[in-house]
Amino acid sequence: MISKHVLRHTFERRCIEDGELSLILKIRLRHGHTNIHIALDIYAYVFARMNAGTVAQQQQYIETIS
């Protein structure tokens, strides 16, 4: 059985991946985290992975127009 914690974590990760603003994340997580920095630290790996994808897209674009 999947715990509520795992479901919440998965939901928040997917919201971040879909581009949800940190402010909205802060409002939603106010019941579980007293500080947005805690949430951002928890989901830092998601932001890092998204950044790596963005850098790869930018490099591909630069190569296309060169």
C-alpha atoms as a PDB file:
ATOM      1  CA  MET A   1       0.000   0.000   0.000  1.00  0.00           C
ATOM      2  CA  ILE A   2       1.266   3.480  -0.885  1.00  0.00           C
ATOM      3  CA  SER A   3       1.469   5.918   2.010  1.00  0.00           C
ATOM      4  CA  LYS A   4      -0.041   9.401   2.031  1.00  0.00           C
ATOM      5  CA  HIS A   5       3.478  10.799   2.296  1.00  0.00           C
ATOM      6  CA  VAL A   6       4.586   9.065  -0.912  1.00  0.00           C
ATOM      7  CA  LEU A   7       1.457  10.199  -2.738  1.00  0.00           C
ATOM      8  CA  ARG A   8       1.981  13.784  -1.608  1.00  0.00           C
ATOM      9  CA  HIS A   9       5.640  13.737  -2.601  1.00  0.00           C
ATOM     10  CA  THR A  10       4.803  12.328  -6.044  1.00  0.00           C
ATOM     11  CA  PHE A  11       2.032  14.880  -6.561  1.00  0.00           C
ATOM     12  CA  GLU A  12       4.281  17.798  -5.613  1.00  0.00           C
ATOM     13  CA  ARG A  13       7.116  16.528  -7.803  1.00  0.00           C
ATOM     14  CA  ARG A  14       4.784  16.270 -10.773  1.00  0.00           C
ATOM     15  CA  CYS A  15       3.454  19.787 -10.134  1.00  0.00           C
ATOM     16  CA  ILE A  16       6.995  21.136 -10.136  1.00  0.00           C
ATOM     17  CA  GLU A  17       7.794  19.246 -13.336  1.00  0.00           C
ATOM     18  CA  ASP A  18       4.688  20.778 -14.913  1.00  0.00           C
ATOM     19  CA  GLY A  19       6.002  24.249 -14.070  1.00  0.00           C
ATOM     20  CA  GLU A  20       4.000  25.174 -11.004  1.00  0.00           C
ATOM     21  CA  LEU A  21       5.273  28.331  -9.320  1.00  0.00           C
ATOM     22  CA  SER A  22       7.148  28.074  -6.022  1.00  0.00           C
ATOM     23  CA  LEU A  23       4.644  30.443  -4.431  1.00  0.00           C
ATOM     24  CA  ILE A  24       1.797  28.022  -5.154  1.00  0.00           C
ATOM     25  CA  LEU A  25       3.917  25.168  -3.842  1.00  0.00           C
ATOM     26  CA  LYS A  26       4.530  27.169  -0.660  1.00  0.00           C
ATOM     27  CA  ILE A  27       0.802  27.772  -0.152  1.00  0.00           C
ATOM     28  CA  ARG A  28      -0.062  24.117  -0.692  1.00  0.00           C
ATOM     29  CA  LEU A  29       2.708  22.807   1.545  1.00  0.00           C
ATOM     30  CA  ARG A  30       2.029  25.141   4.450  1.00  0.00           C
ATOM     31  CA  HIS A  31       0.445  22.258   6.334  1.00  0.00           C
ATOM     32  CA  GLY A  32       3.522  20.048   6.004  1.00  0.00           C
ATOM     33  CA  HIS A  33       6.458  22.452   5.924  1.00  0.00           C
ATOM     34  CA  THR A  34       6.771  25.621   7.965  1.00  0.00           C
ATOM     35  CA  ASN A  35       9.331  27.097   5.607  1.00  0.00           C
ATOM     36  CA  ILE A  36       9.410  27.086   1.778  1.00  0.00           C
ATOM     37  CA  HIS A  37      13.162  26.469   1.932  1.00  0.00           C
ATOM     38  CA  ILE A  38      12.503  23.040   3.436  1.00  0.00           C
ATOM     39  CA  ALA A  39      10.259  22.112   0.525  1.00  0.00           C
ATOM     40  CA  LEU A  40      12.676  23.527  -2.030  1.00  0.00           C
ATOM     41  CA  ASP A  41      15.506  21.528  -0.475  1.00  0.00           C
ATOM     42  CA  ILE A  42      13.412  18.363  -0.572  1.00  0.00           C
ATOM     43  CA  TYR A  43      12.582  18.850  -4.250  1.00  0.00           C
ATOM     44  CA  ALA A  44      16.002  20.229  -5.281  1.00  0.00           C
ATOM     45  CA  TYR A  45      16.736  17.108  -7.311  1.00  0.00           C
ATOM     46  CA  VAL A  46      13.670  17.818  -9.463  1.00  0.00           C
ATOM     47  CA  PHE A  47      14.834  21.367 -10.181  1.00  0.00           C
ATOM     48  CA  ALA A  48      18.346  20.107 -10.981  1.00  0.00           C
ATOM     49  CA  ARG A  49      16.986  17.539 -13.435  1.00  0.00           C
ATOM     50  CA  MET A  50      14.754  20.151 -15.059  1.00  0.00           C
ATOM     51  CA  ASN A  51      17.713  22.523 -15.355  1.00  0.00           C
ATOM     52  CA  ALA A  52      19.817  19.843 -17.037  1.00  0.00           C
ATOM     53  CA  GLY A  53      17.047  19.320 -19.600  1.00  0.00           C
ATOM     54  CA  THR A  54      16.791  23.069 -20.207  1.00  0.00           C
ATOM     55  CA  VAL A  55      20.551  23.373 -20.727  1.00  0.00           C
ATOM     56  CA  ALA A  56      20.455  20.491 -23.238  1.00  0.00           C
ATOM     57  CA  GLN A  57      17.579  22.170 -25.123  1.00  0.00           C
ATOM     58  CA  GLN A  58      19.451  25.462 -25.198  1.00  0.00           C
ATOM     59  CA  GLN A  59      22.580  23.769 -26.539  1.00  0.00           C
ATOM     60  CA  GLN A  60      20.545  22.036 -29.236  1.00  0.00           C
ATOM     61  CA  TYR A  61      18.964  25.354 -30.228  1.00  0.00           C
ATOM     62  CA  ILE A  62      22.354  27.067 -30.421  1.00  0.00           C
ATOM     63  CA  GLU A  63      23.684  24.266 -32.622  1.00  0.00           C
ATOM     64  CA  THR A  64      20.623  24.528 -34.873  1.00  0.00           C
ATOM     65  CA  ILE A  65      21.027  28.252 -35.517  1.00  0.00           C
ATOM     66  CA  SER A  66      24.823  28.112 -35.891  1.00  0.00           C
END
